[in-house]
Amino acid sequence: MAAETEPESESVSDVSETENLTLVQAVRDGLETEMQRDDDVVVMGEDVGKNGGVFRATEGLYDEFGGNRVIDTPLAESGIVGTAIGMAAYGMRPVPEIQFMGFIYPAFDQIVSHAARLRTRSRGRFTCPLVVRAPYGGGIRAPEHHSESTEAMFVHQPGLKVVVPSTPYDTKGLLTSAIRSPDPVIFLEPKLIYRAFREDVPTGSYEVPLGEAAIRREGSDISVYTWGAMTRPTLEAAENLAEEGIDAEVVDLRTLSPLDEETIVDSFEKTGRAAVVHEAPKTGGLGAEITATLQEEALLYQEAPVERITGFDTPFPLYALEDYYLPEPARIEDGIRDAAEF
């Protein structure tokens, strides 16, 4: 079996018809569209079949595609991902679901020791085209281990792509690109906004390219980098600050690995100031990597220290402290204001 190469991006194939979908409905739509297009795409995981998944992201797929392509698995994350790696090595395109990111750690060894290394280990003879989906992040009053935001652990692993959508449109397009990618993708779905809002999504097949950030709000005073569920409160904070005369540019990274360094640096060279907003703990978080990138690539443009507005260096708290832990618009505004007025 020859190694696959990165396919060229495909533009929207049908923009004439759209559906108004939530983010989790866009996940389901993306899976269904790719399963209709490619018989090698299979969905697997705990309760993804007849039950339609813990968040109903796979609802109805079992009835449409049957038990050979929508596979209910035992409660064993290492086995789920390990089996998917074997299927991918034989040319299939499995999309295993881990019910919550906090349950992914038993599969961590399979992901980093095998999936991420297959191309390098075989010197390019084999690839591992699988997408590990997992709801992640906090904000839904879930018990312990259900609100993890440890995306930096996967970003640190060479051989993995890490994707976090923030809108329904991007969710379907990025998921399509992830499924068609020849290499393993960790696809993290911000469950806080699974059903928070709707957006028109094309009914046809389309891709949003991996590795490209999106500028959600143009601004000239400070660049604010974020992703996933933090995009919405960051945009709200930016609009509030505009009333004070602080014009913030909001950059939604969308893909955390590989990072779109060109967009990150270009925005910083325009504004000279920066803040990073994420719900993961501060220490070792992706905010540190973005800060270092700006130091390396655009130091002479820097007019203020980079502000990091993040979760805290603690295990994610239970619901009584959840709102305090997560960056919300007022805290984001304070951080942006500090950097803008330095």
C-alpha atoms as a PDB file:
ATOM      1  CA  MET A   1       0.000   0.000   0.000  1.00  0.00           C
ATOM      2  CA  ALA A   2       1.499   3.314  -1.043  1.00  0.00           C
ATOM      3  CA  ALA A   3       1.504   6.286   1.272  1.00  0.00           C
ATOM      4  CA  GLU A   4      -1.185   8.814   0.648  1.00  0.00           C
ATOM      5  CA  THR A   5      -0.405  12.423   0.010  1.00  0.00           C
ATOM      6  CA  GLU A   6      -2.238  15.488   1.220  1.00  0.00           C
ATOM      7  CA  PRO A   7      -5.220  16.080  -1.085  1.00  0.00           C
ATOM      8  CA  GLU A   8      -5.787  19.487  -2.564  1.00  0.00           C
ATOM      9  CA  SER A   9      -8.501  21.528  -0.888  1.00  0.00           C
ATOM     10  CA  GLU A  10     -11.916  21.198  -2.447  1.00  0.00           C
ATOM     11  CA  SER A  11     -14.198  24.150  -2.746  1.00  0.00           C
ATOM     12  CA  VAL A  12     -17.852  24.110  -1.802  1.00  0.00           C
ATOM     13  CA  SER A  13     -19.625  21.777  -4.203  1.00  0.00           C
ATOM     14  CA  ASP A  14     -23.190  22.805  -3.419  1.00  0.00           C
ATOM     15  CA  VAL A  15     -23.839  26.226  -1.965  1.00  0.00           C
ATOM     16  CA  SER A  16     -27.297  26.566  -3.421  1.00  0.00           C
ATOM     17  CA  GLU A  17     -28.950  24.715  -0.554  1.00  0.00           C
ATOM     18  CA  THR A  18     -28.251  25.122   3.131  1.00  0.00           C
ATOM     19  CA  GLU A  19     -29.596  23.889   6.436  1.00  0.00           C
ATOM     20  CA  ASN A  20     -29.690  25.920   9.621  1.00  0.00           C
ATOM     21  CA  LEU A  21     -27.730  23.665  11.981  1.00  0.00           C
ATOM     22  CA  THR A  22     -26.271  23.658  15.448  1.00  0.00           C
ATOM     23  CA  LEU A  23     -22.633  22.668  15.854  1.00  0.00           C
ATOM     24  CA  VAL A  24     -23.430  19.104  16.916  1.00  0.00           C
ATOM     25  CA  GLN A  25     -25.850  18.743  14.001  1.00  0.00           C
ATOM     26  CA  ALA A  26     -23.035  19.890  11.729  1.00  0.00           C
ATOM     27  CA  VAL A  27     -20.877  17.082  13.129  1.00  0.00           C
ATOM     28  CA  ARG A  28     -23.566  14.568  12.264  1.00  0.00           C
ATOM     29  CA  ASP A  29     -24.086  16.113   8.829  1.00  0.00           C
ATOM     30  CA  GLY A  30     -20.379  15.986   8.103  1.00  0.00           C
ATOM     31  CA  LEU A  31     -20.172  12.326   9.089  1.00  0.00           C
ATOM     32  CA  GLU A  32     -23.224  11.400   7.042  1.00  0.00           C
ATOM     33  CA  THR A  33     -22.003  13.259   3.952  1.00  0.00           C
ATOM     34  CA  GLU A  34     -18.595  11.607   4.018  1.00  0.00           C
ATOM     35  CA  MET A  35     -20.080   8.151   4.703  1.00  0.00           C
ATOM     36  CA  GLN A  36     -22.346   8.578   1.680  1.00  0.00           C
ATOM     37  CA  ARG A  37     -19.363   9.642  -0.448  1.00  0.00           C
ATOM     38  CA  ASP A  38     -16.830   7.058   0.729  1.00  0.00           C
ATOM     39  CA  ASP A  39     -17.664   3.486   1.781  1.00  0.00           C
ATOM     40  CA  ASP A  40     -14.376   3.268   3.687  1.00  0.00           C
ATOM     41  CA  VAL A  41     -15.528   5.808   6.279  1.00  0.00           C
ATOM     42  CA  VAL A  42     -16.759   4.059   9.424  1.00  0.00           C
ATOM     43  CA  VAL A  43     -17.893   5.439  12.785  1.00  0.00           C
ATOM     44  CA  MET A  44     -17.119   3.607  16.008  1.00  0.00           C
ATOM     45  CA  GLY A  45     -17.308   4.172  19.738  1.00  0.00           C
ATOM     46  CA  GLU A  46     -19.346   3.729  22.881  1.00  0.00           C
ATOM     47  CA  ASP A  47     -23.094   4.056  22.208  1.00  0.00           C
ATOM     48  CA  VAL A  48     -22.580   5.653  18.787  1.00  0.00           C
ATOM     49  CA  GLY A  49     -24.834   3.088  17.076  1.00  0.00           C
ATOM     50  CA  LYS A  50     -28.400   2.448  18.106  1.00  0.00           C
ATOM     51  CA  ASN A  51     -28.219   5.096  20.838  1.00  0.00           C
ATOM     52  CA  GLY A  52     -26.835   7.791  18.510  1.00  0.00           C
ATOM     53  CA  GLY A  53     -24.002   8.861  20.809  1.00  0.00           C
ATOM     54  CA  VAL A  54     -23.940  10.534  24.194  1.00  0.00           C
ATOM     55  CA  PHE A  55     -24.537  13.943  22.560  1.00  0.00           C
ATOM     56  CA  ARG A  56     -26.528  12.479  19.626  1.00  0.00           C
ATOM     57  CA  ALA A  57     -23.746  13.368  17.183  1.00  0.00           C
ATOM     58  CA  THR A  58     -24.284  10.068  15.358  1.00  0.00           C
ATOM     59  CA  GLU A  59     -28.064   9.881  15.649  1.00  0.00           C
ATOM     60  CA  GLY A  60     -29.675   7.982  12.769  1.00  0.00           C
ATOM     61  CA  LEU A  61     -26.407   6.867  11.179  1.00  0.00           C
ATOM     62  CA  TYR A  62     -26.851   3.274  12.389  1.00  0.00           C
ATOM     63  CA  ASP A  63     -30.241   3.047  10.675  1.00  0.00           C
ATOM     64  CA  GLU A  64     -28.824   4.527   7.470  1.00  0.00           C
ATOM     65  CA  PHE A  65     -25.516   2.669   7.221  1.00  0.00           C
ATOM     66  CA  GLY A  66     -25.935  -0.413   9.418  1.00  0.00           C
ATOM     67  CA  GLY A  67     -23.851  -2.025  12.135  1.00  0.00           C
ATOM     68  CA  ASN A  68     -20.854  -2.747   9.918  1.00  0.00           C
ATOM     69  CA  ARG A  69     -20.161   0.973   9.455  1.00  0.00           C
ATOM     70  CA  VAL A  70     -21.578   2.415  12.697  1.00  0.00           C
ATOM     71  CA  ILE A  71     -20.011   0.196  15.284  1.00  0.00           C
ATOM     72  CA  ASP A  72     -20.890   0.070  18.967  1.00  0.00           C
ATOM     73  CA  THR A  73     -17.760  -0.822  20.896  1.00  0.00           C
ATOM     74  CA  PRO A  74     -16.977  -2.027  24.411  1.00  0.00           C
ATOM     75  CA  LEU A  75     -16.156   0.610  27.012  1.00  0.00           C
ATOM     76  CA  ALA A  76     -12.404   0.509  26.289  1.00  0.00           C
ATOM     77  CA  GLU A  77     -10.852   3.636  24.775  1.00  0.00           C
ATOM     78  CA  SER A  78      -7.464   2.039  24.127  1.00  0.00           C
ATOM     79  CA  GLY A  79      -9.184  -0.758  22.247  1.00  0.00           C
ATOM     80  CA  ILE A  80     -11.341   1.645  20.251  1.00  0.00           C
ATOM     81  CA  VAL A  81      -8.385   3.694  19.012  1.00  0.00           C
ATOM     82  CA  GLY A  82      -6.110   0.670  18.626  1.00  0.00           C
ATOM     83  CA  THR A  83      -8.682  -1.066  16.445  1.00  0.00           C
ATOM     84  CA  ALA A  84      -9.151   2.119  14.431  1.00  0.00           C
ATOM     85  CA  ILE A  85      -5.403   2.363  13.802  1.00  0.00           C
ATOM     86  CA  GLY A  86      -5.404  -1.155  12.389  1.00  0.00           C
ATOM     87  CA  MET A  87      -8.379  -0.354  10.174  1.00  0.00           C
ATOM     88  CA  ALA A  88      -6.681   2.836   8.947  1.00  0.00           C
ATOM     89  CA  ALA A  89      -3.476   0.986   8.144  1.00  0.00           C
ATOM     90  CA  TYR A  90      -5.504  -1.319   5.917  1.00  0.00           C
ATOM     91  CA  GLY A  91      -6.956   1.587   3.959  1.00  0.00           C
ATOM     92  CA  MET A  92     -10.180   2.395   5.791  1.00  0.00           C
ATOM     93  CA  ARG A  93     -11.039   5.800   7.256  1.00  0.00           C
ATOM     94  CA  PRO A  94     -12.316   5.176  10.766  1.00  0.00           C
ATOM     95  CA  VAL A  95     -13.753   7.978  12.883  1.00  0.00           C
ATOM     96  CA  PRO A  96     -13.689   6.781  16.497  1.00  0.00           C
ATOM     97  CA  GLU A  97     -15.577   8.811  19.080  1.00  0.00           C
ATOM     98  CA  ILE A  98     -14.308   9.222  22.626  1.00  0.00           C
ATOM     99  CA  GLN A  99     -17.304  10.229  24.727  1.00  0.00           C
ATOM    100  CA  PHE A 100     -15.452  12.966  26.635  1.00  0.00           C
ATOM    101  CA  MET A 101     -11.893  14.240  26.316  1.00  0.00           C
ATOM    102  CA  GLY A 102     -11.266  13.222  29.915  1.00  0.00           C
ATOM    103  CA  PHE A 103     -11.678   9.600  28.858  1.00  0.00           C
ATOM    104  CA  ILE A 104      -9.080   9.788  26.094  1.00  0.00           C
ATOM    105  CA  TYR A 105      -6.033   9.109  28.263  1.00  0.00           C
ATOM    106  CA  PRO A 106      -6.243   5.289  28.171  1.00  0.00           C
ATOM    107  CA  ALA A 107      -5.945   5.703  24.379  1.00  0.00           C
ATOM    108  CA  PHE A 108      -3.104   8.224  24.607  1.00  0.00           C
ATOM    109  CA  ASP A 109      -0.444   5.559  24.110  1.00  0.00           C
ATOM    110  CA  GLN A 110      -2.171   4.244  20.994  1.00  0.00           C
ATOM    111  CA  ILE A 111      -2.451   7.774  19.607  1.00  0.00           C
ATOM    112  CA  VAL A 112       1.086   9.019  20.240  1.00  0.00           C
ATOM    113  CA  SER A 113       3.038   5.765  20.036  1.00  0.00           C
ATOM    114  CA  HIS A 114       1.344   4.301  16.993  1.00  0.00           C
ATOM    115  CA  ALA A 115      -1.073   6.555  15.070  1.00  0.00           C
ATOM    116  CA  ALA A 116       1.196   9.607  15.124  1.00  0.00           C
ATOM    117  CA  ARG A 117       4.300   7.631  14.159  1.00  0.00           C
ATOM    118  CA  LEU A 118       3.079   5.276  11.458  1.00  0.00           C
ATOM    119  CA  ARG A 119       4.176   7.460   8.551  1.00  0.00           C
ATOM    120  CA  THR A 120       7.604   8.117  10.079  1.00  0.00           C
ATOM    121  CA  ARG A 121       8.079   4.567  11.350  1.00  0.00           C
ATOM    122  CA  SER A 122       7.368   3.107   7.889  1.00  0.00           C
ATOM    123  CA  ARG A 123       9.446   5.834   6.189  1.00  0.00           C
ATOM    124  CA  GLY A 124       6.432   7.026   4.283  1.00  0.00           C
ATOM    125  CA  ARG A 125       5.179   3.610   3.122  1.00  0.00           C
ATOM    126  CA  PHE A 126       2.074   3.705   5.335  1.00  0.00           C
ATOM    127  CA  THR A 127      -0.221   6.388   6.664  1.00  0.00           C
ATOM    128  CA  CYS A 128      -2.880   6.415   9.338  1.00  0.00           C
ATOM    129  CA  PRO A 129      -5.991   8.244   8.091  1.00  0.00           C
ATOM    130  CA  LEU A 130      -8.179   8.280  11.174  1.00  0.00           C
ATOM    131  CA  VAL A 131     -10.038  11.040  13.021  1.00  0.00           C
ATOM    132  CA  VAL A 132     -10.417  10.768  16.784  1.00  0.00           C
ATOM    133  CA  ARG A 133     -13.452  12.869  17.757  1.00  0.00           C
ATOM    134  CA  ALA A 134     -13.957  14.000  21.341  1.00  0.00           C
ATOM    135  CA  PRO A 135     -16.235  16.568  23.013  1.00  0.00           C
ATOM    136  CA  TYR A 136     -13.985  18.783  25.120  1.00  0.00           C
ATOM    137  CA  GLY A 137     -13.944  21.766  27.461  1.00  0.00           C
ATOM    138  CA  GLY A 138     -16.181  22.865  30.295  1.00  0.00           C
ATOM    139  CA  GLY A 139     -19.294  24.865  30.881  1.00  0.00           C
ATOM    140  CA  ILE A 140     -22.035  22.224  30.956  1.00  0.00           C
ATOM    141  CA  ARG A 141     -22.000  21.364  34.676  1.00  0.00           C
ATOM    142  CA  ALA A 142     -20.539  17.916  34.041  1.00  0.00           C
ATOM    143  CA  PRO A 143     -18.840  15.726  36.676  1.00  0.00           C
ATOM    144  CA  GLU A 144     -15.092  15.202  37.017  1.00  0.00           C
ATOM    145  CA  HIS A 145     -13.167  14.034  33.913  1.00  0.00           C
ATOM    146  CA  HIS A 146     -15.873  15.452  31.615  1.00  0.00           C
ATOM    147  CA  SER A 147     -14.482  18.988  31.123  1.00  0.00           C
ATOM    148  CA  GLU A 148     -10.855  18.485  30.094  1.00  0.00           C
ATOM    149  CA  SER A 149      -9.089  21.029  27.894  1.00  0.00           C
ATOM    150  CA  THR A 150      -5.722  19.362  27.371  1.00  0.00           C
ATOM    151  CA  GLU A 151      -5.313  20.068  23.671  1.00  0.00           C
ATOM    152  CA  ALA A 152      -1.702  21.165  24.274  1.00  0.00           C
ATOM    153  CA  MET A 153      -0.766  17.536  25.045  1.00  0.00           C
ATOM    154  CA  PHE A 154      -1.723  16.541  21.511  1.00  0.00           C
ATOM    155  CA  VAL A 155      -0.307  19.660  19.879  1.00  0.00           C
ATOM    156  CA  HIS A 156       3.047  18.628  21.357  1.00  0.00           C
ATOM    157  CA  GLN A 157       2.995  15.287  19.495  1.00  0.00           C
ATOM    158  CA  PRO A 158       4.629  15.358  16.035  1.00  0.00           C
ATOM    159  CA  GLY A 159       2.533  13.488  13.500  1.00  0.00           C
ATOM    160  CA  LEU A 160      -0.840  14.623  14.804  1.00  0.00           C
ATOM    161  CA  LYS A 161      -3.101  17.350  13.526  1.00  0.00           C
ATOM    162  CA  VAL A 162      -5.315  19.005  16.125  1.00  0.00           C
ATOM    163  CA  VAL A 163      -8.525  20.753  15.084  1.00  0.00           C
ATOM    164  CA  VAL A 164     -11.047  22.753  17.144  1.00  0.00           C
ATOM    165  CA  PRO A 165     -14.023  24.309  15.318  1.00  0.00           C
ATOM    166  CA  SER A 166     -16.047  27.204  16.691  1.00  0.00           C
ATOM    167  CA  THR A 167     -18.950  27.445  14.225  1.00  0.00           C
ATOM    168  CA  PRO A 168     -21.312  24.925  12.576  1.00  0.00           C
ATOM    169  CA  TYR A 169     -20.073  25.858   9.077  1.00  0.00           C
ATOM    170  CA  ASP A 170     -16.459  25.301  10.032  1.00  0.00           C
ATOM    171  CA  THR A 171     -17.348  22.120  11.899  1.00  0.00           C
ATOM    172  CA  LYS A 172     -18.656  20.327   8.833  1.00  0.00           C
ATOM    173  CA  GLY A 173     -15.938  21.673   6.545  1.00  0.00           C
ATOM    174  CA  LEU A 174     -13.084  20.949   8.936  1.00  0.00           C
ATOM    175  CA  LEU A 175     -14.430  17.481   9.751  1.00  0.00           C
ATOM    176  CA  THR A 176     -14.614  16.699   6.033  1.00  0.00           C
ATOM    177  CA  SER A 177     -10.999  17.800   5.595  1.00  0.00           C
ATOM    178  CA  ALA A 178      -9.974  15.774   8.642  1.00  0.00           C
ATOM    179  CA  ILE A 179     -11.612  12.594   7.330  1.00  0.00           C
ATOM    180  CA  ARG A 180      -9.910  13.042   3.957  1.00  0.00           C
ATOM    181  CA  SER A 181      -6.537  13.768   5.557  1.00  0.00           C
ATOM    182  CA  PRO A 182      -4.005  10.957   5.093  1.00  0.00           C
ATOM    183  CA  ASP A 183      -2.678  11.462   8.618  1.00  0.00           C
ATOM    184  CA  PRO A 184      -4.305  11.191  12.067  1.00  0.00           C
ATOM    185  CA  VAL A 185      -6.397  14.099  13.307  1.00  0.00           C
ATOM    186  CA  ILE A 186      -7.594  14.859  16.834  1.00  0.00           C
ATOM    187  CA  PHE A 187     -10.926  16.602  16.317  1.00  0.00           C
ATOM    188  CA  LEU A 188     -12.009  18.366  19.502  1.00  0.00           C
ATOM    189  CA  GLU A 189     -15.604  19.549  19.642  1.00  0.00           C
ATOM    190  CA  PRO A 190     -16.428  22.357  22.128  1.00  0.00           C
ATOM    191  CA  LYS A 191     -19.481  20.860  23.752  1.00  0.00           C
ATOM    192  CA  LEU A 192     -20.346  24.122  25.524  1.00  0.00           C
ATOM    193  CA  ILE A 193     -21.540  25.439  22.153  1.00  0.00           C
ATOM    194  CA  TYR A 194     -22.872  22.173  20.739  1.00  0.00           C
ATOM    195  CA  ARG A 195     -26.375  23.677  20.762  1.00  0.00           C
ATOM    196  CA  ALA A 196     -25.656  27.331  21.608  1.00  0.00           C
ATOM    197  CA  PHE A 197     -26.533  28.795  18.198  1.00  0.00           C
ATOM    198  CA  ARG A 198     -27.315  27.908  14.618  1.00  0.00           C
ATOM    199  CA  GLU A 199     -25.724  28.758  11.285  1.00  0.00           C
ATOM    200  CA  ASP A 200     -26.479  28.050   7.650  1.00  0.00           C
ATOM    201  CA  VAL A 201     -24.453  25.041   6.498  1.00  0.00           C
ATOM    202  CA  PRO A 202     -24.314  23.824   2.874  1.00  0.00           C
ATOM    203  CA  THR A 203     -26.045  20.497   2.361  1.00  0.00           C
ATOM    204  CA  GLY A 204     -23.367  19.427  -0.092  1.00  0.00           C
ATOM    205  CA  SER A 205     -19.809  18.355   0.473  1.00  0.00           C
ATOM    206  CA  TYR A 206     -17.178  20.999   1.099  1.00  0.00           C
ATOM    207  CA  GLU A 207     -13.883  21.384   2.892  1.00  0.00           C
ATOM    208  CA  VAL A 208     -12.508  24.041   5.207  1.00  0.00           C
ATOM    209  CA  PRO A 209      -8.736  23.622   4.855  1.00  0.00           C
ATOM    210  CA  LEU A 210      -6.791  22.445   7.879  1.00  0.00           C
ATOM    211  CA  GLY A 211      -4.054  24.756   9.120  1.00  0.00           C
ATOM    212  CA  GLU A 212      -5.753  28.039   8.280  1.00  0.00           C
ATOM    213  CA  ALA A 213      -6.950  30.489  10.920  1.00  0.00           C
ATOM    214  CA  ALA A 214      -9.935  32.801  10.425  1.00  0.00           C
ATOM    215  CA  ILE A 215     -10.116  36.460  11.343  1.00  0.00           C
ATOM    216  CA  ARG A 216     -13.515  36.769  13.032  1.00  0.00           C
ATOM    217  CA  ARG A 217     -13.238  40.478  13.693  1.00  0.00           C
ATOM    218  CA  GLU A 218     -10.941  43.001  12.044  1.00  0.00           C
ATOM    219  CA  GLY A 219      -9.180  45.409  14.392  1.00  0.00           C
ATOM    220  CA  SER A 220      -6.170  47.700  14.586  1.00  0.00           C
ATOM    221  CA  ASP A 221      -5.189  48.039  18.277  1.00  0.00           C
ATOM    222  CA  ILE A 222      -4.549  44.496  19.504  1.00  0.00           C
ATOM    223  CA  SER A 223      -4.650  40.924  18.177  1.00  0.00           C
ATOM    224  CA  VAL A 224      -6.578  38.405  20.265  1.00  0.00           C
ATOM    225  CA  TYR A 225      -6.008  34.724  19.493  1.00  0.00           C
ATOM    226  CA  THR A 226      -8.517  32.100  20.571  1.00  0.00           C
ATOM    227  CA  TRP A 227     -10.410  28.981  19.423  1.00  0.00           C
ATOM    228  CA  GLY A 228     -13.378  26.758  20.154  1.00  0.00           C
ATOM    229  CA  ALA A 229     -15.916  27.817  22.754  1.00  0.00           C
ATOM    230  CA  MET A 230     -13.811  30.821  23.799  1.00  0.00           C
ATOM    231  CA  THR A 231     -14.327  32.496  20.438  1.00  0.00           C
ATOM    232  CA  ARG A 232     -17.822  33.757  21.294  1.00  0.00           C
ATOM    233  CA  PRO A 233     -17.011  35.426  24.650  1.00  0.00           C
ATOM    234  CA  THR A 234     -13.872  36.883  23.069  1.00  0.00           C
ATOM    235  CA  LEU A 235     -15.924  38.448  20.298  1.00  0.00           C
ATOM    236  CA  GLU A 236     -18.372  39.772  22.879  1.00  0.00           C
ATOM    237  CA  ALA A 237     -15.490  41.299  24.846  1.00  0.00           C
ATOM    238  CA  ALA A 238     -14.082  42.856  21.673  1.00  0.00           C
ATOM    239  CA  GLU A 239     -17.408  44.491  20.867  1.00  0.00           C
ATOM    240  CA  ASN A 240     -17.693  45.842  24.406  1.00  0.00           C
ATOM    241  CA  LEU A 241     -14.161  47.255  24.256  1.00  0.00           C
ATOM    242  CA  ALA A 242     -14.877  48.920  20.932  1.00  0.00           C
ATOM    243  CA  GLU A 243     -17.198  51.226  22.833  1.00  0.00           C
ATOM    244  CA  GLU A 244     -14.139  52.321  24.880  1.00  0.00           C
ATOM    245  CA  GLY A 245     -12.129  52.961  21.734  1.00  0.00           C
ATOM    246  CA  ILE A 246     -10.093  49.727  21.813  1.00  0.00           C
ATOM    247  CA  ASP A 247     -10.305  48.065  18.404  1.00  0.00           C
ATOM    248  CA  ALA A 248      -9.440  44.379  18.864  1.00  0.00           C
ATOM    249  CA  GLU A 249      -8.804  41.926  16.043  1.00  0.00           C
ATOM    250  CA  VAL A 250     -10.062  38.438  16.923  1.00  0.00           C
ATOM    251  CA  VAL A 251      -8.277  35.504  15.282  1.00  0.00           C
ATOM    252  CA  ASP A 252      -9.919  32.072  15.534  1.00  0.00           C
ATOM    253  CA  LEU A 253      -7.095  29.566  15.088  1.00  0.00           C
ATOM    254  CA  ARG A 254      -9.388  26.623  14.090  1.00  0.00           C
ATOM    255  CA  THR A 255      -6.397  24.302  13.684  1.00  0.00           C
ATOM    256  CA  LEU A 256      -3.981  24.159  16.619  1.00  0.00           C
ATOM    257  CA  SER A 257      -1.515  21.859  14.877  1.00  0.00           C
ATOM    258  CA  PRO A 258      -0.240  22.884  12.447  1.00  0.00           C
ATOM    259  CA  LEU A 259      -0.579  26.485  13.593  1.00  0.00           C
ATOM    260  CA  ASP A 260      -1.267  29.144  10.993  1.00  0.00           C
ATOM    261  CA  GLU A 261       1.804  31.163  11.936  1.00  0.00           C
ATOM    262  CA  GLU A 262       1.494  33.441   8.920  1.00  0.00           C
ATOM    263  CA  THR A 263      -1.931  34.758   9.974  1.00  0.00           C
ATOM    264  CA  ILE A 264      -0.859  34.954  13.617  1.00  0.00           C
ATOM    265  CA  VAL A 265       2.248  36.991  12.829  1.00  0.00           C
ATOM    266  CA  ASP A 266       0.637  39.162  10.152  1.00  0.00           C
ATOM    267  CA  SER A 267      -2.072  40.235  12.586  1.00  0.00           C
ATOM    268  CA  PHE A 268       0.495  41.022  15.276  1.00  0.00           C
ATOM    269  CA  GLU A 269       2.617  43.081  12.903  1.00  0.00           C
ATOM    270  CA  LYS A 270      -0.487  45.158  12.199  1.00  0.00           C
ATOM    271  CA  THR A 271      -1.448  45.778  15.839  1.00  0.00           C
ATOM    272  CA  GLY A 272       1.786  45.390  17.861  1.00  0.00           C
ATOM    273  CA  ARG A 273      -0.080  44.011  20.847  1.00  0.00           C
ATOM    274  CA  ALA A 274      -1.560  40.601  21.605  1.00  0.00           C
ATOM    275  CA  ALA A 275      -3.632  38.518  23.984  1.00  0.00           C
ATOM    276  CA  VAL A 276      -4.419  34.800  23.959  1.00  0.00           C
ATOM    277  CA  VAL A 277      -7.663  33.404  25.347  1.00  0.00           C
ATOM    278  CA  HIS A 278      -8.070  29.707  26.155  1.00  0.00           C
ATOM    279  CA  GLU A 279      -9.834  27.658  28.777  1.00  0.00           C
ATOM    280  CA  ALA A 280      -6.931  25.265  29.331  1.00  0.00           C
ATOM    281  CA  PRO A 281      -4.579  25.837  32.277  1.00  0.00           C
ATOM    282  CA  LYS A 282      -2.074  28.643  31.738  1.00  0.00           C
ATOM    283  CA  THR A 283       1.180  26.776  32.356  1.00  0.00           C
ATOM    284  CA  GLY A 284       2.326  24.935  29.248  1.00  0.00           C
ATOM    285  CA  GLY A 285      -0.817  25.936  27.400  1.00  0.00           C
ATOM    286  CA  LEU A 286      -0.912  26.919  23.753  1.00  0.00           C
ATOM    287  CA  GLY A 287      -0.838  30.568  24.772  1.00  0.00           C
ATOM    288  CA  ALA A 288       2.813  30.119  25.671  1.00  0.00           C
ATOM    289  CA  GLU A 289       3.591  28.729  22.213  1.00  0.00           C
ATOM    290  CA  ILE A 290       1.832  31.611  20.498  1.00  0.00           C
ATOM    291  CA  THR A 291       3.696  34.093  22.682  1.00  0.00           C
ATOM    292  CA  ALA A 292       7.018  32.468  21.829  1.00  0.00           C
ATOM    293  CA  THR A 293       6.166  32.502  18.124  1.00  0.00           C
ATOM    294  CA  LEU A 294       5.489  36.234  18.270  1.00  0.00           C
ATOM    295  CA  GLN A 295       8.780  36.783  20.100  1.00  0.00           C
ATOM    296  CA  GLU A 296      10.699  34.825  17.487  1.00  0.00           C
ATOM    297  CA  GLU A 297       9.009  36.148  14.381  1.00  0.00           C
ATOM    298  CA  ALA A 298       7.897  39.692  15.173  1.00  0.00           C
ATOM    299  CA  LEU A 299       9.799  40.970  18.208  1.00  0.00           C
ATOM    300  CA  LEU A 300      10.501  44.369  16.693  1.00  0.00           C
ATOM    301  CA  TYR A 301       6.764  44.988  16.275  1.00  0.00           C
ATOM    302  CA  GLN A 302       5.978  44.297  19.949  1.00  0.00           C
ATOM    303  CA  GLU A 303       4.720  47.240  21.966  1.00  0.00           C
ATOM    304  CA  ALA A 304       3.473  45.420  25.105  1.00  0.00           C
ATOM    305  CA  PRO A 305       3.776  42.077  26.911  1.00  0.00           C
ATOM    306  CA  VAL A 306       1.479  39.390  25.523  1.00  0.00           C
ATOM    307  CA  GLU A 307      -1.469  38.855  27.838  1.00  0.00           C
ATOM    308  CA  ARG A 308      -2.684  35.315  28.557  1.00  0.00           C
ATOM    309  CA  ILE A 309      -6.305  34.976  29.672  1.00  0.00           C
ATOM    310  CA  THR A 310      -6.776  31.333  30.552  1.00  0.00           C
ATOM    311  CA  GLY A 311      -8.136  28.720  32.899  1.00  0.00           C
ATOM    312  CA  PHE A 312      -6.223  28.137  36.121  1.00  0.00           C
ATOM    313  CA  ASP A 313      -3.476  25.647  36.936  1.00  0.00           C
ATOM    314  CA  THR A 314      -5.867  23.339  38.752  1.00  0.00           C
ATOM    315  CA  PRO A 315      -7.987  20.350  37.817  1.00  0.00           C
ATOM    316  CA  PHE A 316     -11.175  21.583  36.190  1.00  0.00           C
ATOM    317  CA  PRO A 317     -13.527  22.412  39.093  1.00  0.00           C
ATOM    318  CA  LEU A 318     -16.983  21.051  39.703  1.00  0.00           C
ATOM    319  CA  TYR A 319     -19.969  23.177  38.823  1.00  0.00           C
ATOM    320  CA  ALA A 320     -19.884  25.592  41.799  1.00  0.00           C
ATOM    321  CA  LEU A 321     -16.640  27.164  40.533  1.00  0.00           C
ATOM    322  CA  GLU A 322     -17.019  26.425  36.846  1.00  0.00           C
ATOM    323  CA  ASP A 323     -18.047  29.940  35.832  1.00  0.00           C
ATOM    324  CA  TYR A 324     -15.146  31.401  37.807  1.00  0.00           C
ATOM    325  CA  TYR A 325     -12.668  29.063  36.107  1.00  0.00           C
ATOM    326  CA  LEU A 326     -13.671  29.746  32.523  1.00  0.00           C
ATOM    327  CA  PRO A 327     -12.634  33.046  30.911  1.00  0.00           C
ATOM    328  CA  GLU A 328     -15.807  35.063  30.456  1.00  0.00           C
ATOM    329  CA  PRO A 329     -16.238  38.431  28.705  1.00  0.00           C
ATOM    330  CA  ALA A 330     -15.461  40.626  31.736  1.00  0.00           C
ATOM    331  CA  ARG A 331     -12.164  38.815  32.495  1.00  0.00           C
ATOM    332  CA  ILE A 332     -11.254  38.787  28.805  1.00  0.00           C
ATOM    333  CA  GLU A 333     -11.957  42.513  28.604  1.00  0.00           C
ATOM    334  CA  ASP A 334      -9.644  43.154  31.572  1.00  0.00           C
ATOM    335  CA  GLY A 335      -6.798  41.226  29.944  1.00  0.00           C
ATOM    336  CA  ILE A 336      -7.195  42.866  26.563  1.00  0.00           C
ATOM    337  CA  ARG A 337      -7.429  46.275  28.191  1.00  0.00           C
ATOM    338  CA  ASP A 338      -4.188  45.666  30.141  1.00  0.00           C
ATOM    339  CA  ALA A 339      -2.298  44.821  26.953  1.00  0.00           C
ATOM    340  CA  ALA A 340      -3.874  47.609  24.917  1.00  0.00           C
ATOM    341  CA  GLU A 341      -3.149  50.289  27.513  1.00  0.00           C
ATOM    342  CA  PHE A 342       0.377  49.143  28.480  1.00  0.00           C
END
